[in-house]
Amino acid sequence: MTHNEQLSAIEAILFVAGSGVEMESIARALGITQLEMNSLAEELLARNDDTRGLEICRTDDLLQMRTKAQYSDCIRDALKPVARKTLSRSVLETLSIIAYKQPITRGEIEEIKGVSADYSIQTLLSRKLIESAGKKKTIGRPTLYRTTSDFLRHFGIEDLSQLPPLPEDVDLSDVTFE
């Protein structure tokens, strides 16, 4: 590994680590001596300048890549945690019907629920939890809906076979939601 590759490898290690890494561990990973590691660390520390948003710092025997303090407000504003919006009961009911009966049309969903499903379907489409599965070959050619891979990720399942089974006495066509 060339000198520049060693410097780049150290930067990559520090970037991925996210916290301080013992210089001894880095030296061992690169197959270099502690003396060589100290020299590389000093060179990286000397590269810190005002034109970059990141810096490498050394504390005792740890090296760390971190953002410069002057950018903390920008970082905080850009990475504000997005409040995860929960799905309303009505939207969850619609999603459940689609998950178990897919592909299914809006009209079929509304027949099961007994109320309009427009808002719920739009919400689920906007969150990419459902998608169009084509058109039903019937009068009016209504859109068929099915769940997406985002649905699977959202609920932490690999495929639809992992959905909990419906109780044997439940037939979704006979269920009404209040």
N, C-alpha and C. Protein backbone atom coordinates (compact mmCIF):
# COMPACT_ATOMS: atom_id res chain seq x y z
N MET A 1 0.85 -1.18 0.00
CA MET A 1 0.00 0.00 0.00
C MET A 1 0.90 1.24 0.00
N THR A 2 0.59 2.18 -0.89
CA THR A 2 1.40 3.39 -0.97
C THR A 2 1.11 4.30 0.22
N HIS A 3 1.93 5.30 0.36
CA HIS A 3 1.77 6.26 1.45
C HIS A 3 0.40 6.95 1.37
N ASN A 4 0.04 7.41 0.17
CA ASN A 4 -1.25 8.08 -0.01
C ASN A 4 -2.42 7.13 0.24
N GLU A 5 -2.27 5.88 -0.15
CA GLU A 5 -3.32 4.89 0.11
C GLU A 5 -3.47 4.64 1.61
N GLN A 6 -2.35 4.67 2.33
CA GLN A 6 -2.42 4.51 3.79
C GLN A 6 -3.18 5.67 4.43
N LEU A 7 -2.89 6.89 3.97
CA LEU A 7 -3.60 8.06 4.49
C LEU A 7 -5.10 7.96 4.18
N SER A 8 -5.40 7.56 2.96
CA SER A 8 -6.81 7.42 2.56
C SER A 8 -7.49 6.32 3.35
N ALA A 9 -6.81 5.23 3.60
CA ALA A 9 -7.38 4.13 4.37
C ALA A 9 -7.68 4.57 5.80
N ILE A 10 -6.82 5.36 6.38
CA ILE A 10 -7.06 5.87 7.74
C ILE A 10 -8.30 6.75 7.75
N GLU A 11 -8.40 7.64 6.77
CA GLU A 11 -9.59 8.49 6.68
C GLU A 11 -10.86 7.65 6.54
N ALA A 12 -10.80 6.62 5.71
CA ALA A 12 -11.97 5.76 5.52
C ALA A 12 -12.34 5.06 6.82
N ILE A 13 -11.36 4.55 7.54
CA ILE A 13 -11.61 3.88 8.82
C ILE A 13 -12.27 4.85 9.80
N LEU A 14 -11.73 6.05 9.89
CA LEU A 14 -12.27 7.04 10.83
C LEU A 14 -13.67 7.48 10.44
N PHE A 15 -13.92 7.60 9.16
CA PHE A 15 -15.25 8.01 8.69
C PHE A 15 -16.29 6.96 9.07
N VAL A 16 -15.97 5.70 8.81
CA VAL A 16 -16.93 4.63 9.08
C VAL A 16 -17.12 4.43 10.58
N ALA A 17 -16.04 4.57 11.35
CA ALA A 17 -16.11 4.33 12.80
C ALA A 17 -17.05 5.31 13.48
N GLY A 18 -17.00 6.57 13.09
CA GLY A 18 -17.87 7.55 13.71
C GLY A 18 -17.43 7.99 15.09
N SER A 19 -16.54 7.27 15.72
CA SER A 19 -16.01 7.64 17.02
C SER A 19 -14.51 7.40 16.98
N GLY A 20 -13.85 7.66 18.09
CA GLY A 20 -12.40 7.50 18.14
C GLY A 20 -11.97 6.06 17.93
N VAL A 21 -10.86 5.90 17.21
CA VAL A 21 -10.29 4.57 16.95
C VAL A 21 -8.86 4.57 17.47
N GLU A 22 -8.50 3.52 18.18
CA GLU A 22 -7.13 3.43 18.71
C GLU A 22 -6.15 3.36 17.55
N MET A 23 -5.10 4.14 17.67
CA MET A 23 -4.09 4.16 16.61
C MET A 23 -3.45 2.79 16.45
N GLU A 24 -3.33 2.06 17.53
CA GLU A 24 -2.76 0.72 17.47
C GLU A 24 -3.61 -0.20 16.59
N SER A 25 -4.92 -0.07 16.70
CA SER A 25 -5.83 -0.88 15.88
C SER A 25 -5.69 -0.53 14.40
N ILE A 26 -5.56 0.76 14.13
CA ILE A 26 -5.39 1.19 12.74
C ILE A 26 -4.07 0.67 12.19
N ALA A 27 -3.01 0.79 12.96
CA ALA A 27 -1.68 0.32 12.54
C ALA A 27 -1.73 -1.18 12.24
N ARG A 28 -2.38 -1.92 13.10
CA ARG A 28 -2.49 -3.37 12.91
C ARG A 28 -3.27 -3.68 11.63
N ALA A 29 -4.36 -2.96 11.39
CA ALA A 29 -5.17 -3.19 10.19
C ALA A 29 -4.39 -2.87 8.92
N LEU A 30 -3.53 -1.87 8.98
CA LEU A 30 -2.75 -1.48 7.81
C LEU A 30 -1.44 -2.25 7.68
N GLY A 31 -1.09 -3.00 8.73
CA GLY A 31 0.16 -3.77 8.70
C GLY A 31 1.39 -2.88 8.79
N ILE A 32 1.29 -1.81 9.60
CA ILE A 32 2.41 -0.89 9.77
C ILE A 32 2.80 -0.80 11.24
N THR A 33 3.95 -0.22 11.49
CA THR A 33 4.43 -0.08 12.87
C THR A 33 3.75 1.11 13.54
N GLN A 34 3.87 1.15 14.85
CA GLN A 34 3.30 2.27 15.62
C GLN A 34 4.00 3.58 15.25
N LEU A 35 5.29 3.51 14.97
CA LEU A 35 6.05 4.70 14.58
C LEU A 35 5.53 5.24 13.24
N GLU A 36 5.29 4.34 12.29
CA GLU A 36 4.74 4.76 11.00
C GLU A 36 3.34 5.35 11.18
N MET A 37 2.57 4.75 12.07
CA MET A 37 1.21 5.23 12.34
C MET A 37 1.25 6.64 12.91
N ASN A 38 2.16 6.88 13.84
CA ASN A 38 2.30 8.22 14.43
C ASN A 38 2.63 9.25 13.37
N SER A 39 3.50 8.88 12.44
CA SER A 39 3.88 9.79 11.37
C SER A 39 2.69 10.10 10.46
N LEU A 40 1.91 9.06 10.10
CA LEU A 40 0.72 9.26 9.27
C LEU A 40 -0.32 10.11 10.00
N ALA A 41 -0.50 9.87 11.28
CA ALA A 41 -1.46 10.65 12.07
C ALA A 41 -1.07 12.12 12.08
N GLU A 42 0.20 12.40 12.30
CA GLU A 42 0.68 13.79 12.31
C GLU A 42 0.44 14.46 10.96
N GLU A 43 0.64 13.71 9.89
CA GLU A 43 0.40 14.27 8.56
C GLU A 43 -1.08 14.58 8.35
N LEU A 44 -1.97 13.68 8.80
CA LEU A 44 -3.41 13.94 8.69
C LEU A 44 -3.82 15.13 9.53
N LEU A 45 -3.28 15.25 10.73
CA LEU A 45 -3.61 16.38 11.60
C LEU A 45 -3.16 17.70 10.97
N ALA A 46 -2.03 17.68 10.28
CA ALA A 46 -1.51 18.89 9.63
C ALA A 46 -2.38 19.30 8.45
N ARG A 47 -3.15 18.39 7.90
CA ARG A 47 -4.01 18.70 6.76
C ARG A 47 -5.28 19.45 7.15
N ASN A 48 -5.61 19.47 8.43
CA ASN A 48 -6.81 20.19 8.87
C ASN A 48 -6.66 21.65 8.49
N ASP A 49 -7.64 22.18 7.77
CA ASP A 49 -7.61 23.60 7.43
C ASP A 49 -9.02 24.15 7.44
N ASP A 50 -9.13 25.44 7.20
CA ASP A 50 -10.43 26.12 7.29
C ASP A 50 -11.32 25.89 6.07
N THR A 51 -10.83 25.23 5.04
CA THR A 51 -11.62 25.07 3.83
C THR A 51 -12.49 23.82 3.85
N ARG A 52 -12.41 23.04 4.92
CA ARG A 52 -13.15 21.78 4.97
C ARG A 52 -14.09 21.76 6.17
N GLY A 53 -15.15 20.97 6.06
CA GLY A 53 -16.11 20.86 7.14
C GLY A 53 -15.78 19.76 8.14
N LEU A 54 -14.81 18.93 7.78
CA LEU A 54 -14.38 17.84 8.65
C LEU A 54 -12.96 18.08 9.13
N GLU A 55 -12.67 17.49 10.27
CA GLU A 55 -11.30 17.55 10.78
C GLU A 55 -10.98 16.23 11.47
N ILE A 56 -9.70 15.95 11.53
CA ILE A 56 -9.23 14.78 12.26
C ILE A 56 -8.59 15.30 13.53
N CYS A 57 -8.94 14.68 14.63
CA CYS A 57 -8.36 15.11 15.90
C CYS A 57 -7.77 13.89 16.61
N ARG A 58 -6.87 14.19 17.51
CA ARG A 58 -6.21 13.14 18.28
C ARG A 58 -6.40 13.42 19.75
N THR A 59 -6.84 12.40 20.47
CA THR A 59 -6.97 12.46 21.91
C THR A 59 -6.27 11.23 22.46
N ASP A 60 -5.18 11.46 23.18
CA ASP A 60 -4.36 10.36 23.68
C ASP A 60 -3.98 9.45 22.51
N ASP A 61 -4.41 8.19 22.53
CA ASP A 61 -4.05 7.26 21.48
C ASP A 61 -5.22 7.01 20.53
N LEU A 62 -6.17 7.94 20.50
CA LEU A 62 -7.33 7.79 19.62
C LEU A 62 -7.30 8.83 18.52
N LEU A 63 -7.68 8.41 17.33
CA LEU A 63 -7.90 9.34 16.22
C LEU A 63 -9.38 9.34 15.93
N GLN A 64 -9.89 10.51 15.57
CA GLN A 64 -11.30 10.62 15.26
C GLN A 64 -11.51 11.63 14.15
N MET A 65 -12.44 11.31 13.25
CA MET A 65 -12.87 12.27 12.25
C MET A 65 -14.17 12.87 12.78
N ARG A 66 -14.27 14.17 12.76
CA ARG A 66 -15.47 14.82 13.26
C ARG A 66 -15.76 16.07 12.45
N THR A 67 -16.96 16.56 12.62
CA THR A 67 -17.32 17.81 11.95
C THR A 67 -16.79 18.97 12.79
N LYS A 68 -16.55 20.05 12.13
CA LYS A 68 -16.08 21.24 12.84
C LYS A 68 -17.24 21.86 13.62
N ALA A 69 -16.94 22.32 14.80
CA ALA A 69 -17.95 22.88 15.70
C ALA A 69 -18.72 24.04 15.05
N GLN A 70 -18.09 24.80 14.22
CA GLN A 70 -18.74 25.96 13.62
C GLN A 70 -19.91 25.58 12.71
N TYR A 71 -20.01 24.31 12.32
CA TYR A 71 -21.10 23.88 11.46
C TYR A 71 -22.20 23.13 12.21
N SER A 72 -22.14 23.11 13.52
CA SER A 72 -23.10 22.33 14.31
C SER A 72 -24.54 22.78 14.08
N ASP A 73 -24.79 24.08 13.97
CA ASP A 73 -26.15 24.55 13.73
C ASP A 73 -26.68 24.08 12.38
N CYS A 74 -25.86 24.17 11.35
CA CYS A 74 -26.27 23.71 10.01
C CYS A 74 -26.56 22.22 10.03
N ILE A 75 -25.70 21.45 10.69
CA ILE A 75 -25.88 20.00 10.75
C ILE A 75 -27.16 19.67 11.48
N ARG A 76 -27.38 20.31 12.62
CA ARG A 76 -28.58 20.05 13.40
C ARG A 76 -29.84 20.36 12.60
N ASP A 77 -29.85 21.50 11.91
CA ASP A 77 -31.03 21.89 11.14
C ASP A 77 -31.28 20.94 9.96
N ALA A 78 -30.23 20.50 9.30
CA ALA A 78 -30.38 19.61 8.15
C ALA A 78 -30.80 18.20 8.56
N LEU A 79 -30.37 17.77 9.73
CA LEU A 79 -30.62 16.39 10.15
C LEU A 79 -31.62 16.28 11.29
N LYS A 80 -32.47 17.29 11.42
CA LYS A 80 -33.50 17.22 12.46
C LYS A 80 -34.25 15.92 12.31
N PRO A 81 -34.47 15.24 13.41
CA PRO A 81 -35.24 14.00 13.27
C PRO A 81 -36.64 14.32 12.76
N VAL A 82 -37.02 13.60 11.74
CA VAL A 82 -38.35 13.78 11.19
C VAL A 82 -39.31 13.00 12.06
N ALA A 83 -40.30 13.69 12.55
CA ALA A 83 -41.29 13.01 13.39
C ALA A 83 -41.99 11.96 12.54
N ARG A 84 -41.86 10.73 12.95
CA ARG A 84 -42.49 9.65 12.20
C ARG A 84 -43.99 9.72 12.43
N LYS A 85 -44.67 10.01 11.36
CA LYS A 85 -46.12 10.13 11.47
C LYS A 85 -46.72 8.74 11.59
N THR A 86 -47.60 8.62 12.53
CA THR A 86 -48.27 7.34 12.69
C THR A 86 -49.46 7.28 11.74
N LEU A 87 -49.86 6.08 11.45
CA LEU A 87 -51.02 5.88 10.59
C LEU A 87 -52.26 5.86 11.45
N SER A 88 -53.29 6.55 11.01
CA SER A 88 -54.55 6.56 11.76
C SER A 88 -55.18 5.18 11.71
N ARG A 89 -56.13 4.96 12.58
CA ARG A 89 -56.82 3.67 12.63
C ARG A 89 -57.47 3.37 11.28
N SER A 90 -58.10 4.37 10.70
CA SER A 90 -58.78 4.18 9.42
C SER A 90 -57.79 3.79 8.32
N VAL A 91 -56.63 4.45 8.30
CA VAL A 91 -55.62 4.14 7.28
C VAL A 91 -55.06 2.74 7.52
N LEU A 92 -54.82 2.39 8.78
CA LEU A 92 -54.34 1.04 9.09
C LEU A 92 -55.34 -0.03 8.69
N GLU A 93 -56.63 0.26 8.89
CA GLU A 93 -57.66 -0.70 8.49
C GLU A 93 -57.62 -0.91 6.98
N THR A 94 -57.50 0.18 6.25
CA THR A 94 -57.43 0.07 4.79
C THR A 94 -56.20 -0.71 4.37
N LEU A 95 -55.06 -0.42 5.00
CA LEU A 95 -53.83 -1.13 4.69
C LEU A 95 -53.96 -2.62 5.00
N SER A 96 -54.61 -2.95 6.09
CA SER A 96 -54.81 -4.36 6.45
C SER A 96 -55.65 -5.07 5.40
N ILE A 97 -56.70 -4.42 4.96
CA ILE A 97 -57.57 -5.02 3.94
C ILE A 97 -56.77 -5.27 2.66
N ILE A 98 -55.99 -4.28 2.26
CA ILE A 98 -55.18 -4.43 1.04
C ILE A 98 -54.17 -5.56 1.22
N ALA A 99 -53.51 -5.59 2.38
CA ALA A 99 -52.48 -6.61 2.62
C ALA A 99 -53.05 -8.02 2.52
N TYR A 100 -54.24 -8.24 3.08
CA TYR A 100 -54.81 -9.58 3.10
C TYR A 100 -55.60 -9.94 1.85
N LYS A 101 -56.11 -8.95 1.13
CA LYS A 101 -57.00 -9.25 0.00
C LYS A 101 -56.39 -8.85 -1.36
N GLN A 102 -55.15 -8.41 -1.39
CA GLN A 102 -54.57 -7.89 -2.62
C GLN A 102 -54.51 -8.91 -3.74
N PRO A 103 -54.60 -8.44 -4.98
CA PRO A 103 -54.92 -7.07 -5.38
C PRO A 103 -56.41 -6.79 -5.19
N ILE A 104 -56.71 -5.54 -4.86
CA ILE A 104 -58.08 -5.17 -4.52
C ILE A 104 -58.35 -3.75 -5.00
N THR A 105 -59.58 -3.49 -5.39
CA THR A 105 -59.96 -2.16 -5.87
C THR A 105 -60.46 -1.30 -4.71
N ARG A 106 -60.50 0.00 -4.95
CA ARG A 106 -61.03 0.93 -3.95
C ARG A 106 -62.48 0.57 -3.61
N GLY A 107 -63.27 0.24 -4.63
CA GLY A 107 -64.67 -0.12 -4.40
C GLY A 107 -64.81 -1.34 -3.50
N GLU A 108 -63.94 -2.32 -3.70
CA GLU A 108 -63.98 -3.53 -2.87
C GLU A 108 -63.59 -3.21 -1.43
N ILE A 109 -62.61 -2.31 -1.28
CA ILE A 109 -62.20 -1.87 0.06
C ILE A 109 -63.36 -1.17 0.75
N GLU A 110 -64.01 -0.26 0.03
CA GLU A 110 -65.12 0.50 0.59
C GLU A 110 -66.30 -0.40 0.92
N GLU A 111 -66.48 -1.46 0.15
CA GLU A 111 -67.55 -2.41 0.44
C GLU A 111 -67.29 -3.11 1.78
N ILE A 112 -66.02 -3.43 2.04
CA ILE A 112 -65.65 -4.08 3.31
C ILE A 112 -65.76 -3.09 4.47
N LYS A 113 -65.21 -1.88 4.27
CA LYS A 113 -65.19 -0.88 5.35
C LYS A 113 -66.54 -0.23 5.58
N GLY A 114 -67.28 -0.05 4.52
CA GLY A 114 -68.57 0.61 4.64
C GLY A 114 -68.47 2.12 4.57
N VAL A 115 -67.28 2.65 4.33
CA VAL A 115 -67.07 4.10 4.20
C VAL A 115 -66.07 4.34 3.08
N SER A 116 -65.96 5.60 2.66
CA SER A 116 -65.01 5.97 1.62
C SER A 116 -63.58 5.66 2.06
N ALA A 117 -62.78 5.22 1.10
CA ALA A 117 -61.38 4.91 1.38
C ALA A 117 -60.44 5.83 0.63
N ASP A 118 -60.97 6.90 0.03
CA ASP A 118 -60.14 7.80 -0.78
C ASP A 118 -58.97 8.37 0.01
N TYR A 119 -59.24 8.94 1.18
CA TYR A 119 -58.17 9.55 1.99
C TYR A 119 -57.12 8.50 2.37
N SER A 120 -57.59 7.34 2.82
CA SER A 120 -56.66 6.29 3.25
C SER A 120 -55.78 5.83 2.10
N ILE A 121 -56.39 5.62 0.94
CA ILE A 121 -55.60 5.17 -0.21
C ILE A 121 -54.58 6.22 -0.61
N GLN A 122 -54.99 7.49 -0.64
CA GLN A 122 -54.05 8.56 -0.99
C GLN A 122 -52.90 8.64 0.01
N THR A 123 -53.22 8.48 1.30
CA THR A 123 -52.18 8.50 2.33
C THR A 123 -51.21 7.34 2.13
N LEU A 124 -51.73 6.16 1.89
CA LEU A 124 -50.88 4.98 1.71
C LEU A 124 -50.05 5.07 0.43
N LEU A 125 -50.63 5.64 -0.63
CA LEU A 125 -49.87 5.85 -1.86
C LEU A 125 -48.74 6.85 -1.64
N SER A 126 -49.04 7.95 -0.93
CA SER A 126 -48.02 8.98 -0.71
C SER A 126 -46.87 8.47 0.16
N ARG A 127 -47.17 7.53 1.04
CA ARG A 127 -46.11 6.94 1.88
C ARG A 127 -45.48 5.72 1.24
N LYS A 128 -45.92 5.43 0.03
CA LYS A 128 -45.37 4.31 -0.75
C LYS A 128 -45.54 2.96 -0.05
N LEU A 129 -46.61 2.82 0.71
CA LEU A 129 -46.92 1.54 1.36
C LEU A 129 -47.78 0.66 0.46
N ILE A 130 -48.46 1.30 -0.51
CA ILE A 130 -49.22 0.56 -1.52
C ILE A 130 -48.90 1.15 -2.88
N GLU A 131 -49.25 0.39 -3.91
CA GLU A 131 -49.05 0.86 -5.28
C GLU A 131 -50.12 0.26 -6.17
N SER A 132 -50.20 0.80 -7.37
CA SER A 132 -51.14 0.26 -8.35
C SER A 132 -50.63 -1.10 -8.82
N ALA A 133 -51.56 -2.02 -8.95
CA ALA A 133 -51.22 -3.36 -9.45
C ALA A 133 -51.90 -3.59 -10.80
N GLY A 134 -52.21 -2.51 -11.49
CA GLY A 134 -52.87 -2.61 -12.78
C GLY A 134 -54.35 -2.28 -12.69
N LYS A 135 -55.07 -2.69 -13.69
CA LYS A 135 -56.52 -2.41 -13.76
C LYS A 135 -57.27 -3.73 -13.75
N LYS A 136 -58.41 -3.72 -13.06
CA LYS A 136 -59.25 -4.92 -13.03
C LYS A 136 -60.01 -5.02 -14.35
N LYS A 137 -60.09 -6.21 -14.87
CA LYS A 137 -60.76 -6.42 -16.16
C LYS A 137 -62.25 -6.55 -15.92
N THR A 138 -62.86 -5.40 -15.67
CA THR A 138 -64.30 -5.32 -15.43
C THR A 138 -64.77 -3.95 -15.90
N ILE A 139 -66.04 -3.70 -15.83
CA ILE A 139 -66.60 -2.42 -16.28
C ILE A 139 -65.95 -1.28 -15.48
N GLY A 140 -65.49 -0.28 -16.19
CA GLY A 140 -64.86 0.87 -15.58
C GLY A 140 -63.37 0.71 -15.35
N ARG A 141 -62.86 -0.51 -15.46
CA ARG A 141 -61.43 -0.80 -15.29
C ARG A 141 -60.83 -0.12 -14.06
N PRO A 142 -61.37 -0.41 -12.84
CA PRO A 142 -60.85 0.23 -11.63
C PRO A 142 -59.41 -0.22 -11.32
N THR A 143 -58.68 0.67 -10.66
CA THR A 143 -57.30 0.38 -10.28
C THR A 143 -57.27 -0.67 -9.18
N LEU A 144 -56.36 -1.61 -9.31
CA LEU A 144 -56.11 -2.61 -8.28
C LEU A 144 -54.93 -2.13 -7.43
N TYR A 145 -54.99 -2.36 -6.14
CA TYR A 145 -53.92 -1.94 -5.24
C TYR A 145 -53.28 -3.16 -4.58
N ARG A 146 -51.98 -3.02 -4.32
CA ARG A 146 -51.23 -4.05 -3.59
C ARG A 146 -50.20 -3.35 -2.71
N THR A 147 -49.66 -4.10 -1.76
CA THR A 147 -48.64 -3.55 -0.88
C THR A 147 -47.30 -3.51 -1.62
N THR A 148 -46.36 -2.73 -1.07
CA THR A 148 -45.04 -2.55 -1.68
C THR A 148 -43.95 -3.14 -0.80
N SER A 149 -42.74 -3.10 -1.31
CA SER A 149 -41.60 -3.54 -0.49
C SER A 149 -41.40 -2.58 0.69
N ASP A 150 -41.78 -1.31 0.54
CA ASP A 150 -41.72 -0.37 1.68
C ASP A 150 -42.65 -0.82 2.79
N PHE A 151 -43.81 -1.37 2.43
CA PHE A 151 -44.74 -1.93 3.41
C PHE A 151 -44.04 -3.02 4.21
N LEU A 152 -43.38 -3.93 3.51
CA LEU A 152 -42.68 -5.02 4.19
C LEU A 152 -41.61 -4.48 5.14
N ARG A 153 -40.81 -3.52 4.66
CA ARG A 153 -39.77 -2.93 5.51
C ARG A 153 -40.37 -2.20 6.71
N HIS A 154 -41.45 -1.46 6.47
CA HIS A 154 -42.10 -0.68 7.53
C HIS A 154 -42.56 -1.58 8.68
N PHE A 155 -43.06 -2.77 8.32
CA PHE A 155 -43.58 -3.67 9.34
C PHE A 155 -42.59 -4.78 9.71
N GLY A 156 -41.39 -4.72 9.14
CA GLY A 156 -40.33 -5.65 9.52
C GLY A 156 -40.58 -7.10 9.13
N ILE A 157 -41.18 -7.29 7.96
CA ILE A 157 -41.40 -8.66 7.49
C ILE A 157 -40.74 -8.83 6.12
N GLU A 158 -40.43 -10.08 5.80
CA GLU A 158 -39.75 -10.36 4.53
C GLU A 158 -40.72 -10.57 3.38
N ASP A 159 -41.86 -11.18 3.68
CA ASP A 159 -42.87 -11.39 2.65
C ASP A 159 -44.24 -11.52 3.31
N LEU A 160 -45.26 -11.53 2.48
CA LEU A 160 -46.64 -11.52 2.99
C LEU A 160 -47.00 -12.77 3.77
N SER A 161 -46.27 -13.85 3.57
CA SER A 161 -46.57 -15.07 4.32
C SER A 161 -46.30 -14.89 5.81
N GLN A 162 -45.56 -13.84 6.16
CA GLN A 162 -45.27 -13.57 7.57
C GLN A 162 -46.34 -12.72 8.24
N LEU A 163 -47.37 -12.32 7.49
CA LEU A 163 -48.48 -11.61 8.13
C LEU A 163 -49.14 -12.56 9.11
N PRO A 164 -49.58 -12.04 10.24
CA PRO A 164 -50.26 -12.94 11.18
C PRO A 164 -51.52 -13.50 10.53
N PRO A 165 -51.81 -14.76 10.79
CA PRO A 165 -53.01 -15.34 10.17
C PRO A 165 -54.27 -14.72 10.76
N LEU A 166 -55.26 -14.60 9.93
CA LEU A 166 -56.56 -14.13 10.41
C LEU A 166 -57.20 -15.27 11.20
N PRO A 167 -57.93 -14.95 12.22
CA PRO A 167 -58.66 -16.03 12.93
C PRO A 167 -59.54 -16.76 11.93
N GLU A 168 -59.68 -18.06 12.12
CA GLU A 168 -60.43 -18.88 11.16
C GLU A 168 -61.85 -18.42 10.97
N ASP A 169 -62.43 -17.82 11.99
CA ASP A 169 -63.83 -17.40 11.87
C ASP A 169 -63.98 -16.00 11.26
N VAL A 170 -62.87 -15.39 10.81
CA VAL A 170 -62.94 -14.06 10.22
C VAL A 170 -62.83 -14.15 8.71
N ASP A 171 -63.79 -13.56 8.04
CA ASP A 171 -63.78 -13.44 6.60
C ASP A 171 -63.85 -11.93 6.34
N LEU A 172 -62.81 -11.37 5.75
CA LEU A 172 -62.78 -9.93 5.57
C LEU A 172 -63.97 -9.39 4.79
N SER A 173 -64.59 -10.20 3.98
CA SER A 173 -65.76 -9.71 3.26
C SER A 173 -66.96 -9.53 4.20
N ASP A 174 -66.91 -10.17 5.37
CA ASP A 174 -68.00 -10.03 6.35
C ASP A 174 -67.70 -9.02 7.44
N VAL A 175 -66.48 -8.45 7.43
CA VAL A 175 -66.05 -7.55 8.49
C VAL A 175 -66.47 -6.12 8.17
N THR A 176 -66.98 -5.42 9.16
CA THR A 176 -67.21 -3.98 9.02
C THR A 176 -66.43 -3.29 10.11
N PHE A 177 -65.90 -2.13 9.80
CA PHE A 177 -65.13 -1.35 10.76
C PHE A 177 -65.95 -0.16 11.20
N GLU A 178 -65.86 0.18 12.46
CA GLU A 178 -66.62 1.32 12.99
C GLU A 178 -65.75 2.52 13.13
